[in-house]
Amino acid sequence: MARIDGLRSKIAKSASKGKLDTLVKLANDSDDEVRFEVAMALGQVNSYESGMALIPLMRDPSPMVRAAAATSAADIGAKHCLEYVKKLAFGDSDPNVRLSAKAAFDVLKDHVV
């Protein structure tokens, strides 16, 4: 538990400074909570690269990570993530992921670039 607490501040600081290299590295962590925090943090970095970093997280084994990645894609208006979010919204095995992804899909499909 202490490890995730220490990493939360590092993740938040990296997001606030737009340090994607740190976030991408932590996106491969073995801990679901760390990957979840990274997925949420990527939703604060409004860039194409941030959206690209969310795509692998939308394929994560953890439902909470997939849901967070879809939500973050919508938060930054990552139109290039639309098809990935759509797959989660209409085909994910977890009902909570489908619900979160459907909300994200509705935002992204109506997002004007």
Foldseek 3Di string as FASTA:
>chain_A
DVVLVVVLVVLQVCLVVVVVVVLLVQCPDPDPSSVLSSLQSLLSRQDLVSLVSLLVQCVDPDLSSVLSNLLSCLSNLNLVCLVSLVCQLPPNPDPVSVVSSVVSNVSNVPDDD
